[in-house]
Amino acid sequence: MIDEWIGAKPDLAEIHSSAATFNNIVLPPLAPENTLGILSKSIDVLAKSRAYPYGLTEDKILRLKSAGITTIQELANSSENKLKQIEMVGPATVKRIRDVMLQAIWM
C-alpha cells in the first residue's frame, strides 16, 4: 500500500448522471446576455506572454487582423479554410492558433 501511495497511483472514480442524487439538482437559468467574457476580447490577448508562453507572435496577430479577425469570438467562428487563406498561415499554424485560442477560453 505504501508503494502505491509513493508511486502516486490514481484512484479512479465514476459519476453517473443517471444516479438519483443528480435528479434533484436544479441549475439556475443563465441570462441570455451571459457569455464567456473572453470571447469579446481582442486577439491581442493571445500574444506571447507569461500567461501564454506559446502564444501568437505579433506577426500572426497582425495577419489575423488584416483578414478581419479582431476578437476571439471571430477567431472561434473562423473556419480552417478561412484561416489557411491568410498569407503565411498553413495547417500547422492553424493548429497553433486554435490551441492558443482554446487555452485562453478554458483558462
PDB file of N, CA and C in Angstrom:
ATOM      1  N   MET A   1       0.829  -1.183   0.000  1.00  0.00           N
ATOM      2  CA  MET A   1       0.000   0.000   0.000  1.00  0.00           C
ATOM      3  C   MET A   1       0.884   1.261   0.000  1.00  0.00           C
ATOM      4  N   ILE A   2       1.959   1.249   0.739  1.00  0.00           N
ATOM      5  CA  ILE A   2       2.863   2.398   0.788  1.00  0.00           C
ATOM      6  C   ILE A   2       3.500   2.621  -0.574  1.00  0.00           C
ATOM      7  N   ASP A   3       3.869   1.534  -1.244  1.00  0.00           N
ATOM      8  CA  ASP A   3       4.456   1.661  -2.576  1.00  0.00           C
ATOM      9  C   ASP A   3       3.472   2.320  -3.545  1.00  0.00           C
ATOM     10  N   GLU A   4       2.193   1.973  -3.453  1.00  0.00           N
ATOM     11  CA  GLU A   4       1.183   2.597  -4.310  1.00  0.00           C
ATOM     12  C   GLU A   4       1.039   4.080  -3.987  1.00  0.00           C
ATOM     13  N   TRP A   5       1.069   4.410  -2.695  1.00  0.00           N
ATOM     14  CA  TRP A   5       0.927   5.800  -2.288  1.00  0.00           C
ATOM     15  C   TRP A   5       2.123   6.621  -2.781  1.00  0.00           C
ATOM     16  N   ILE A   6       3.317   6.081  -2.619  1.00  0.00           N
ATOM     17  CA  ILE A   6       4.521   6.780  -3.059  1.00  0.00           C
ATOM     18  C   ILE A   6       4.544   6.897  -4.580  1.00  0.00           C
ATOM     19  N   GLY A   7       4.062   5.884  -5.266  1.00  0.00           N
ATOM     20  CA  GLY A   7       4.030   5.895  -6.728  1.00  0.00           C
ATOM     21  C   GLY A   7       2.929   6.762  -7.295  1.00  0.00           C
ATOM     22  N   ALA A   8       2.127   7.371  -6.449  1.00  0.00           N
ATOM     23  CA  ALA A   8       1.039   8.268  -6.868  1.00  0.00           C
ATOM     24  C   ALA A   8       0.098   7.594  -7.849  1.00  0.00           C
ATOM     25  N   LYS A   9      -0.249   6.373  -7.565  1.00  0.00           N
ATOM     26  CA  LYS A   9      -1.197   5.655  -8.397  1.00  0.00           C
ATOM     27  C   LYS A   9      -2.591   6.261  -8.185  1.00  0.00           C
ATOM     28  N   PRO A  10      -3.230   6.739  -9.238  1.00  0.00           N
ATOM     29  CA  PRO A  10      -4.520   7.422  -9.059  1.00  0.00           C
ATOM     30  C   PRO A  10      -5.650   6.442  -8.719  1.00  0.00           C
ATOM     31  N   ASP A  11      -6.559   6.904  -7.900  1.00  0.00           N
ATOM     32  CA  ASP A  11      -7.780   6.160  -7.622  1.00  0.00           C
ATOM     33  C   ASP A  11      -8.827   6.636  -8.617  1.00  0.00           C
ATOM     34  N   LEU A  12      -9.374   5.732  -9.368  1.00  0.00           N
ATOM     35  CA  LEU A  12     -10.367   6.091 -10.359  1.00  0.00           C
ATOM     36  C   LEU A  12     -11.742   6.175  -9.724  1.00  0.00           C
ATOM     37  N   ALA A  13     -12.539   7.089 -10.213  1.00  0.00           N
ATOM     38  CA  ALA A  13     -13.903   7.252  -9.715  1.00  0.00           C
ATOM     39  C   ALA A  13     -14.801   7.556 -10.903  1.00  0.00           C
ATOM     40  N   GLU A  14     -16.038   7.167 -10.795  1.00  0.00           N
ATOM     41  CA  GLU A  14     -17.012   7.449 -11.845  1.00  0.00           C
ATOM     42  C   GLU A  14     -18.229   8.109 -11.224  1.00  0.00           C
ATOM     43  N   ILE A  15     -18.787   9.033 -11.953  1.00  0.00           N
ATOM     44  CA  ILE A  15     -20.041   9.664 -11.538  1.00  0.00           C
ATOM     45  C   ILE A  15     -21.022   9.465 -12.681  1.00  0.00           C
ATOM     46  N   HIS A  16     -22.144   8.899 -12.374  1.00  0.00           N
ATOM     47  CA  HIS A  16     -23.169   8.664 -13.384  1.00  0.00           C
ATOM     48  C   HIS A  16     -24.298   9.662 -13.190  1.00  0.00           C
ATOM     49  N   SER A  17     -24.584  10.407 -14.220  1.00  0.00           N
ATOM     50  CA  SER A  17     -25.616  11.439 -14.093  1.00  0.00           C
ATOM     51  C   SER A  17     -27.010  10.848 -13.961  1.00  0.00           C
ATOM     52  N   SER A  18     -27.159   9.567 -14.231  1.00  0.00           N
ATOM     53  CA  SER A  18     -28.480   8.947 -14.077  1.00  0.00           C
ATOM     54  C   SER A  18     -28.757   8.567 -12.620  1.00  0.00           C
ATOM     55  N   ALA A  19     -27.764   8.744 -11.754  1.00  0.00           N
ATOM     56  CA  ALA A  19     -27.961   8.428 -10.342  1.00  0.00           C
ATOM     57  C   ALA A  19     -29.017   9.358  -9.753  1.00  0.00           C
ATOM     58  N   ALA A  20     -29.769   8.877  -8.798  1.00  0.00           N
ATOM     59  CA  ALA A  20     -30.858   9.649  -8.190  1.00  0.00           C
ATOM     60  C   ALA A  20     -30.370  10.944  -7.564  1.00  0.00           C
ATOM     61  N   THR A  21     -29.144  10.986  -7.104  1.00  0.00           N
ATOM     62  CA  THR A  21     -28.599  12.192  -6.474  1.00  0.00           C
ATOM     63  C   THR A  21     -28.643  13.379  -7.418  1.00  0.00           C
ATOM     64  N   PHE A  22     -28.360  13.152  -8.691  1.00  0.00           N
ATOM     65  CA  PHE A  22     -28.305  14.246  -9.651  1.00  0.00           C
ATOM     66  C   PHE A  22     -29.673  14.642 -10.195  1.00  0.00           C
ATOM     67  N   ASN A  23     -30.676  13.843  -9.965  1.00  0.00           N
ATOM     68  CA  ASN A  23     -32.016  14.163 -10.458  1.00  0.00           C
ATOM     69  C   ASN A  23     -32.616  15.344  -9.723  1.00  0.00           C
ATOM     70  N   ASN A  24     -32.167  15.630  -8.514  1.00  0.00           N
ATOM     71  CA  ASN A  24     -32.755  16.692  -7.708  1.00  0.00           C
ATOM     72  C   ASN A  24     -32.030  18.028  -7.824  1.00  0.00           C
ATOM     73  N   ILE A  25     -30.965  18.085  -8.587  1.00  0.00           N
ATOM     74  CA  ILE A  25     -30.212  19.329  -8.740  1.00  0.00           C
ATOM     75  C   ILE A  25     -30.861  20.169  -9.835  1.00  0.00           C
ATOM     76  N   VAL A  26     -31.219  21.394  -9.470  1.00  0.00           N
ATOM     77  CA  VAL A  26     -31.824  22.317 -10.425  1.00  0.00           C
ATOM     78  C   VAL A  26     -30.846  23.462 -10.641  1.00  0.00           C
ATOM     79  N   LEU A  27     -30.408  23.621 -11.874  1.00  0.00           N
ATOM     80  CA  LEU A  27     -29.478  24.694 -12.199  1.00  0.00           C
ATOM     81  C   LEU A  27     -30.246  25.964 -12.520  1.00  0.00           C
ATOM     82  N   PRO A  28     -29.770  27.106 -12.064  1.00  0.00           N
ATOM     83  CA  PRO A  28     -30.460  28.359 -12.379  1.00  0.00           C
ATOM     84  C   PRO A  28     -30.290  28.693 -13.857  1.00  0.00           C
ATOM     85  N   PRO A  29     -31.286  29.314 -14.446  1.00  0.00           N
ATOM     86  CA  PRO A  29     -31.158  29.675 -15.869  1.00  0.00           C
ATOM     87  C   PRO A  29     -30.159  30.823 -16.019  1.00  0.00           C
ATOM     88  N   LEU A  30     -29.404  30.785 -17.102  1.00  0.00           N
ATOM     89  CA  LEU A  30     -28.451  31.854 -17.393  1.00  0.00           C
ATOM     90  C   LEU A  30     -29.144  32.949 -18.183  1.00  0.00           C
ATOM     91  N   ALA A  31     -28.765  34.165 -17.913  1.00  0.00           N
ATOM     92  CA  ALA A  31     -29.310  35.290 -18.670  1.00  0.00           C
ATOM     93  C   ALA A  31     -28.835  35.178 -20.119  1.00  0.00           C
ATOM     94  N   PRO A  32     -29.666  35.556 -21.085  1.00  0.00           N
ATOM     95  CA  PRO A  32     -29.275  35.418 -22.495  1.00  0.00           C
ATOM     96  C   PRO A  32     -28.003  36.183 -22.839  1.00  0.00           C
ATOM     97  N   GLU A  33     -27.762  37.309 -22.167  1.00  0.00           N
ATOM     98  CA  GLU A  33     -26.564  38.091 -22.465  1.00  0.00           C
ATOM     99  C   GLU A  33     -25.327  37.549 -21.760  1.00  0.00           C
ATOM    100  N   ASN A  34     -25.497  36.498 -20.990  1.00  0.00           N
ATOM    101  CA  ASN A  34     -24.386  35.937 -20.227  1.00  0.00           C
ATOM    102  C   ASN A  34     -23.553  35.030 -21.131  1.00  0.00           C
ATOM    103  N   THR A  35     -22.389  35.534 -21.547  1.00  0.00           N
ATOM    104  CA  THR A  35     -21.489  34.760 -22.400  1.00  0.00           C
ATOM    105  C   THR A  35     -20.101  34.752 -21.764  1.00  0.00           C
ATOM    106  N   LEU A  36     -19.229  33.988 -22.317  1.00  0.00           N
ATOM    107  CA  LEU A  36     -17.849  33.984 -21.840  1.00  0.00           C
ATOM    108  C   LEU A  36     -17.213  35.331 -22.169  1.00  0.00           C
ATOM    109  N   GLY A  37     -16.723  36.018 -21.161  1.00  0.00           N
ATOM    110  CA  GLY A  37     -16.125  37.334 -21.356  1.00  0.00           C
ATOM    111  C   GLY A  37     -14.937  37.320 -22.281  1.00  0.00           C
ATOM    112  N   ILE A  38     -14.206  36.221 -22.306  1.00  0.00           N
ATOM    113  CA  ILE A  38     -13.008  36.132 -23.137  1.00  0.00           C
ATOM    114  C   ILE A  38     -13.345  36.266 -24.618  1.00  0.00           C
ATOM    115  N   LEU A  39     -14.540  35.858 -25.016  1.00  0.00           N
ATOM    116  CA  LEU A  39     -14.896  35.866 -26.436  1.00  0.00           C
ATOM    117  C   LEU A  39     -14.956  37.274 -27.022  1.00  0.00           C
ATOM    118  N   SER A  40     -15.275  38.266 -26.210  1.00  0.00           N
ATOM    119  CA  SER A  40     -15.373  39.636 -26.727  1.00  0.00           C
ATOM    120  C   SER A  40     -14.030  40.369 -26.704  1.00  0.00           C
ATOM    121  N   LYS A  41     -13.008  39.732 -26.151  1.00  0.00           N
ATOM    122  CA  LYS A  41     -11.698  40.385 -26.067  1.00  0.00           C
ATOM    123  C   LYS A  41     -10.974  40.356 -27.402  1.00  0.00           C
ATOM    124  N   SER A  42     -10.072  41.304 -27.554  1.00  0.00           N
ATOM    125  CA  SER A  42      -9.251  41.397 -28.756  1.00  0.00           C
ATOM    126  C   SER A  42      -8.298  40.202 -28.845  1.00  0.00           C
ATOM    127  N   ILE A  43      -7.955  39.822 -30.057  1.00  0.00           N
ATOM    128  CA  ILE A  43      -6.999  38.727 -30.228  1.00  0.00           C
ATOM    129  C   ILE A  43      -5.608  39.113 -29.728  1.00  0.00           C
ATOM    130  N   ASP A  44      -5.418  40.386 -29.406  1.00  0.00           N
ATOM    131  CA  ASP A  44      -4.139  40.828 -28.844  1.00  0.00           C
ATOM    132  C   ASP A  44      -3.816  40.097 -27.538  1.00  0.00           C
ATOM    133  N   VAL A  45      -4.831  39.655 -26.808  1.00  0.00           N
ATOM    134  CA  VAL A  45      -4.585  38.962 -25.543  1.00  0.00           C
ATOM    135  C   VAL A  45      -3.933  37.591 -25.769  1.00  0.00           C
ATOM    136  N   LEU A  46      -3.934  37.107 -27.008  1.00  0.00           N
ATOM    137  CA  LEU A  46      -3.339  35.804 -27.327  1.00  0.00           C
ATOM    138  C   LEU A  46      -1.842  35.899 -27.620  1.00  0.00           C
ATOM    139  N   ALA A  47      -1.285  37.106 -27.487  1.00  0.00           N
ATOM    140  CA  ALA A  47       0.147  37.303 -27.761  1.00  0.00           C
ATOM    141  C   ALA A  47       0.987  36.531 -26.755  1.00  0.00           C
ATOM    142  N   LYS A  48       2.196  36.187 -27.182  1.00  0.00           N
ATOM    143  CA  LYS A  48       3.134  35.505 -26.280  1.00  0.00           C
ATOM    144  C   LYS A  48       3.303  36.353 -25.032  1.00  0.00           C
ATOM    145  N   SER A  49       3.183  35.700 -23.872  1.00  0.00           N
ATOM    146  CA  SER A  49       3.301  36.398 -22.599  1.00  0.00           C
ATOM    147  C   SER A  49       3.521  35.357 -21.515  1.00  0.00           C
ATOM    148  N   ARG A  50       3.560  35.806 -20.276  1.00  0.00           N
ATOM    149  CA  ARG A  50       3.686  34.841 -19.178  1.00  0.00           C
ATOM    150  C   ARG A  50       2.449  33.956 -19.106  1.00  0.00           C
ATOM    151  N   ALA A  51       1.283  34.525 -19.405  1.00  0.00           N
ATOM    152  CA  ALA A  51       0.052  33.734 -19.385  1.00  0.00           C
ATOM    153  C   ALA A  51       0.010  32.751 -20.544  1.00  0.00           C
ATOM    154  N   TYR A  52       0.538  33.161 -21.682  1.00  0.00           N
ATOM    155  CA  TYR A  52       0.531  32.318 -22.881  1.00  0.00           C
ATOM    156  C   TYR A  52       1.954  32.203 -23.432  1.00  0.00           C
ATOM    157  N   PRO A  53       2.799  31.395 -22.810  1.00  0.00           N
ATOM    158  CA  PRO A  53       4.186  31.294 -23.287  1.00  0.00           C
ATOM    159  C   PRO A  53       4.288  30.759 -24.711  1.00  0.00           C
ATOM    160  N   TYR A  54       3.273  30.029 -25.157  1.00  0.00           N
ATOM    161  CA  TYR A  54       3.260  29.527 -26.529  1.00  0.00           C
ATOM    162  C   TYR A  54       2.268  30.328 -27.359  1.00  0.00           C
ATOM    163  N   GLY A  55       2.030  31.561 -26.950  1.00  0.00           N
ATOM    164  CA  GLY A  55       1.052  32.419 -27.611  1.00  0.00           C
ATOM    165  C   GLY A  55       1.443  32.776 -29.030  1.00  0.00           C
ATOM    166  N   LEU A  56       0.651  33.639 -29.609  1.00  0.00           N
ATOM    167  CA  LEU A  56       0.852  34.033 -31.001  1.00  0.00           C
ATOM    168  C   LEU A  56       1.876  35.155 -31.109  1.00  0.00           C
ATOM    169  N   THR A  57       2.621  35.123 -32.196  1.00  0.00           N
ATOM    170  CA  THR A  57       3.583  36.192 -32.449  1.00  0.00           C
ATOM    171  C   THR A  57       2.838  37.434 -32.925  1.00  0.00           C
ATOM    172  N   GLU A  58       3.501  38.564 -32.833  1.00  0.00           N
ATOM    173  CA  GLU A  58       2.901  39.815 -33.291  1.00  0.00           C
ATOM    174  C   GLU A  58       2.558  39.725 -34.776  1.00  0.00           C
ATOM    175  N   ASP A  59       3.406  39.047 -35.538  1.00  0.00           N
ATOM    176  CA  ASP A  59       3.162  38.876 -36.970  1.00  0.00           C
ATOM    177  C   ASP A  59       1.852  38.127 -37.226  1.00  0.00           C
ATOM    178  N   LYS A  60       1.634  37.043 -36.500  1.00  0.00           N
ATOM    179  CA  LYS A  60       0.402  36.265 -36.708  1.00  0.00           C
ATOM    180  C   LYS A  60      -0.831  37.063 -36.303  1.00  0.00           C
ATOM    181  N   ILE A  61      -0.721  37.820 -35.218  1.00  0.00           N
ATOM    182  CA  ILE A  61      -1.845  38.650 -34.782  1.00  0.00           C
ATOM    183  C   ILE A  61      -2.163  39.708 -35.840  1.00  0.00           C
ATOM    184  N   LEU A  62      -1.130  40.335 -36.401  1.00  0.00           N
ATOM    185  CA  LEU A  62      -1.351  41.336 -37.455  1.00  0.00           C
ATOM    186  C   LEU A  62      -1.977  40.706 -38.689  1.00  0.00           C
ATOM    187  N   ARG A  63      -1.548  39.492 -39.037  1.00  0.00           N
ATOM    188  CA  ARG A  63      -2.129  38.801 -40.200  1.00  0.00           C
ATOM    189  C   ARG A  63      -3.603  38.482 -39.966  1.00  0.00           C
ATOM    190  N   LEU A  64      -3.936  38.037 -38.741  1.00  0.00           N
ATOM    191  CA  LEU A  64      -5.338  37.760 -38.415  1.00  0.00           C
ATOM    192  C   LEU A  64      -6.170  39.034 -38.507  1.00  0.00           C
ATOM    193  N   LYS A  65      -5.643  40.125 -37.969  1.00  0.00           N
ATOM    194  CA  LYS A  65      -6.368  41.396 -38.008  1.00  0.00           C
ATOM    195  C   LYS A  65      -6.559  41.871 -39.441  1.00  0.00           C
ATOM    196  N   SER A  66      -5.536  41.703 -40.292  1.00  0.00           N
ATOM    197  CA  SER A  66      -5.669  42.134 -41.689  1.00  0.00           C
ATOM    198  C   SER A  66      -6.713  41.300 -42.434  1.00  0.00           C
ATOM    199  N   ALA A  67      -7.005  40.099 -41.910  1.00  0.00           N
ATOM    200  CA  ALA A  67      -8.040  39.255 -42.504  1.00  0.00           C
ATOM    201  C   ALA A  67      -9.417  39.554 -41.897  1.00  0.00           C
ATOM    202  N   GLY A  68      -9.476  40.565 -41.015  1.00  0.00           N
ATOM    203  CA  GLY A  68     -10.758  40.964 -40.432  1.00  0.00           C
ATOM    204  C   GLY A  68     -11.118  40.222 -39.156  1.00  0.00           C
ATOM    205  N   ILE A  69     -10.172  39.496 -38.590  1.00  0.00           N
ATOM    206  CA  ILE A  69     -10.410  38.749 -37.353  1.00  0.00           C
ATOM    207  C   ILE A  69      -9.796  39.557 -36.216  1.00  0.00           C
ATOM    208  N   THR A  70     -10.652  40.208 -35.416  1.00  0.00           N
ATOM    209  CA  THR A  70     -10.140  41.091 -34.372  1.00  0.00           C
ATOM    210  C   THR A  70     -10.480  40.631 -32.955  1.00  0.00           C
ATOM    211  N   THR A  71     -11.483  39.776 -32.816  1.00  0.00           N
ATOM    212  CA  THR A  71     -11.855  39.293 -31.480  1.00  0.00           C
ATOM    213  C   THR A  71     -11.700  37.776 -31.408  1.00  0.00           C
ATOM    214  N   ILE A  72     -11.660  37.265 -30.203  1.00  0.00           N
ATOM    215  CA  ILE A  72     -11.553  35.817 -30.022  1.00  0.00           C
ATOM    216  C   ILE A  72     -12.819  35.133 -30.547  1.00  0.00           C
ATOM    217  N   GLN A  73     -13.979  35.780 -30.409  1.00  0.00           N
ATOM    218  CA  GLN A  73     -15.231  35.225 -30.958  1.00  0.00           C
ATOM    219  C   GLN A  73     -15.123  35.059 -32.462  1.00  0.00           C
ATOM    220  N   GLU A  74     -14.609  36.076 -33.142  1.00  0.00           N
ATOM    221  CA  GLU A  74     -14.446  35.984 -34.599  1.00  0.00           C
ATOM    222  C   GLU A  74     -13.461  34.884 -34.970  1.00  0.00           C
ATOM    223  N   LEU A  75     -12.421  34.749 -34.181  1.00  0.00           N
ATOM    224  CA  LEU A  75     -11.448  33.690 -34.430  1.00  0.00           C
ATOM    225  C   LEU A  75     -12.089  32.322 -34.228  1.00  0.00           C
ATOM    226  N   ALA A  76     -12.862  32.171 -33.170  1.00  0.00           N
ATOM    227  CA  ALA A  76     -13.529  30.897 -32.896  1.00  0.00           C
ATOM    228  C   ALA A  76     -14.507  30.537 -34.016  1.00  0.00           C
ATOM    229  N   ASN A  77     -15.133  31.542 -34.614  1.00  0.00           N
ATOM    230  CA  ASN A  77     -16.110  31.300 -35.683  1.00  0.00           C
ATOM    231  C   ASN A  77     -15.472  31.133 -37.057  1.00  0.00           C
ATOM    232  N   SER A  78     -14.171  31.409 -37.164  1.00  0.00           N
ATOM    233  CA  SER A  78     -13.483  31.308 -38.459  1.00  0.00           C
ATOM    234  C   SER A  78     -13.214  29.848 -38.805  1.00  0.00           C
ATOM    235  N   SER A  79     -13.496  29.506 -40.037  1.00  0.00           N
ATOM    236  CA  SER A  79     -13.246  28.134 -40.485  1.00  0.00           C
ATOM    237  C   SER A  79     -11.759  27.920 -40.718  1.00  0.00           C
ATOM    238  N   GLU A  80     -11.381  26.670 -40.751  1.00  0.00           N
ATOM    239  CA  GLU A  80      -9.988  26.321 -41.029  1.00  0.00           C
ATOM    240  C   GLU A  80      -9.593  26.831 -42.408  1.00  0.00           C
ATOM    241  N   ASN A  81     -10.503  26.720 -43.378  1.00  0.00           N
ATOM    242  CA  ASN A  81     -10.204  27.195 -44.736  1.00  0.00           C
ATOM    243  C   ASN A  81      -9.969  28.699 -44.767  1.00  0.00           C
ATOM    244  N   LYS A  82     -10.775  29.447 -43.991  1.00  0.00           N
ATOM    245  CA  LYS A  82     -10.592  30.906 -43.954  1.00  0.00           C
ATOM    246  C   LYS A  82      -9.218  31.242 -43.382  1.00  0.00           C
ATOM    247  N   LEU A  83      -8.814  30.541 -42.335  1.00  0.00           N
ATOM    248  CA  LEU A  83      -7.513  30.807 -41.729  1.00  0.00           C
ATOM    249  C   LEU A  83      -6.373  30.434 -42.680  1.00  0.00           C
ATOM    250  N   LYS A  84      -6.531  29.337 -43.426  1.00  0.00           N
ATOM    251  CA  LYS A  84      -5.492  28.906 -44.368  1.00  0.00           C
ATOM    252  C   LYS A  84      -5.334  29.870 -45.534  1.00  0.00           C
ATOM    253  N   GLN A  85      -6.353  30.680 -45.811  1.00  0.00           N
ATOM    254  CA  GLN A  85      -6.271  31.648 -46.902  1.00  0.00           C
ATOM    255  C   GLN A  85      -5.405  32.857 -46.539  1.00  0.00           C
ATOM    256  N   ILE A  86      -5.108  33.012 -45.259  1.00  0.00           N
ATOM    257  CA  ILE A  86      -4.253  34.114 -44.821  1.00  0.00           C
ATOM    258  C   ILE A  86      -2.815  33.773 -45.207  1.00  0.00           C
ATOM    259  N   GLU A  87      -2.116  34.748 -45.772  1.00  0.00           N
ATOM    260  CA  GLU A  87      -0.736  34.525 -46.209  1.00  0.00           C
ATOM    261  C   GLU A  87       0.137  34.092 -45.036  1.00  0.00           C
ATOM    262  N   MET A  88       0.961  33.082 -45.279  1.00  0.00           N
ATOM    263  CA  MET A  88       1.900  32.526 -44.295  1.00  0.00           C
ATOM    264  C   MET A  88       1.204  31.767 -43.162  1.00  0.00           C
ATOM    265  N   VAL A  89      -0.021  31.314 -43.408  1.00  0.00           N
ATOM    266  CA  VAL A  89      -0.741  30.503 -42.418  1.00  0.00           C
ATOM    267  C   VAL A  89      -1.093  29.181 -43.084  1.00  0.00           C
ATOM    268  N   GLY A  90      -0.462  28.119 -42.599  1.00  0.00           N
ATOM    269  CA  GLY A  90      -0.727  26.781 -43.116  1.00  0.00           C
ATOM    270  C   GLY A  90      -1.368  25.925 -42.044  1.00  0.00           C
ATOM    271  N   PRO A  91      -1.484  24.630 -42.302  1.00  0.00           N
ATOM    272  CA  PRO A  91      -2.148  23.731 -41.351  1.00  0.00           C
ATOM    273  C   PRO A  91      -1.523  23.735 -39.948  1.00  0.00           C
ATOM    274  N   ALA A  92      -0.193  23.780 -39.867  1.00  0.00           N
ATOM    275  CA  ALA A  92       0.457  23.776 -38.550  1.00  0.00           C
ATOM    276  C   ALA A  92       0.169  25.072 -37.796  1.00  0.00           C
ATOM    277  N   THR A  93       0.150  26.179 -38.518  1.00  0.00           N
ATOM    278  CA  THR A  93      -0.140  27.467 -37.885  1.00  0.00           C
ATOM    279  C   THR A  93      -1.597  27.536 -37.452  1.00  0.00           C
ATOM    280  N   VAL A  94      -2.490  26.998 -38.255  1.00  0.00           N
ATOM    281  CA  VAL A  94      -3.907  26.959 -37.876  1.00  0.00           C
ATOM    282  C   VAL A  94      -4.069  26.177 -36.576  1.00  0.00           C
ATOM    283  N   LYS A  95      -3.381  25.052 -36.473  1.00  0.00           N
ATOM    284  CA  LYS A  95      -3.467  24.257 -35.254  1.00  0.00           C
ATOM    285  C   LYS A  95      -2.943  25.051 -34.061  1.00  0.00           C
ATOM    286  N   ARG A  96      -1.835  25.728 -34.237  1.00  0.00           N
ATOM    287  CA  ARG A  96      -1.275  26.525 -33.141  1.00  0.00           C
ATOM    288  C   ARG A  96      -2.223  27.647 -32.730  1.00  0.00           C
ATOM    289  N   ILE A  97      -2.791  28.340 -33.707  1.00  0.00           N
ATOM    290  CA  ILE A  97      -3.741  29.423 -33.420  1.00  0.00           C
ATOM    291  C   ILE A  97      -4.924  28.872 -32.640  1.00  0.00           C
ATOM    292  N   ARG A  98      -5.459  27.752 -33.089  1.00  0.00           N
ATOM    293  CA  ARG A  98      -6.607  27.133 -32.398  1.00  0.00           C
ATOM    294  C   ARG A  98      -6.228  26.703 -30.974  1.00  0.00           C
ATOM    295  N   ASP A  99      -5.038  26.124 -30.813  1.00  0.00           N
ATOM    296  CA  ASP A  99      -4.600  25.679 -29.487  1.00  0.00           C
ATOM    297  C   ASP A  99      -4.495  26.849 -28.510  1.00  0.00           C
ATOM    298  N   VAL A 100      -3.909  27.954 -28.972  1.00  0.00           N
ATOM    299  CA  VAL A 100      -3.768  29.132 -28.112  1.00  0.00           C
ATOM    300  C   VAL A 100      -5.142  29.705 -27.784  1.00  0.00           C
ATOM    301  N   MET A 101      -6.015  29.756 -28.772  1.00  0.00           N
ATOM    302  CA  MET A 101      -7.365  30.269 -28.549  1.00  0.00           C
ATOM    303  C   MET A 101      -8.110  29.417 -27.524  1.00  0.00           C
ATOM    304  N   LEU A 102      -8.041  28.100 -27.660  1.00  0.00           N
ATOM    305  CA  LEU A 102      -8.726  27.208 -26.726  1.00  0.00           C
ATOM    306  C   LEU A 102      -8.145  27.316 -25.315  1.00  0.00           C
ATOM    307  N   GLN A 103      -6.822  27.492 -25.230  1.00  0.00           N
ATOM    308  CA  GLN A 103      -6.201  27.701 -23.929  1.00  0.00           C
ATOM    309  C   GLN A 103      -6.770  28.952 -23.270  1.00  0.00           C
ATOM    310  N   ALA A 104      -6.923  30.020 -24.036  1.00  0.00           N
ATOM    311  CA  ALA A 104      -7.457  31.271 -23.493  1.00  0.00           C
ATOM    312  C   ALA A 104      -8.907  31.106 -23.036  1.00  0.00           C
ATOM    313  N   ILE A 105      -9.682  30.366 -23.811  1.00  0.00           N
ATOM    314  CA  ILE A 105     -11.094  30.182 -23.460  1.00  0.00           C
ATOM    315  C   ILE A 105     -11.237  29.358 -22.196  1.00  0.00           C
ATOM    316  N   TRP A 106     -10.421  28.330 -22.025  1.00  0.00           N
ATOM    317  CA  TRP A 106     -10.596  27.419 -20.900  1.00  0.00           C
ATOM    318  C   TRP A 106      -9.791  27.800 -19.662  1.00  0.00           C
ATOM    319  N   MET A 107      -9.007  28.867 -19.735  1.00  0.00           N
ATOM    320  CA  MET A 107      -8.237  29.280 -18.545  1.00  0.00           C
ATOM    321  C   MET A 107      -9.097  29.981 -17.546  1.00  0.00           C
TER     322      MET A 107
END
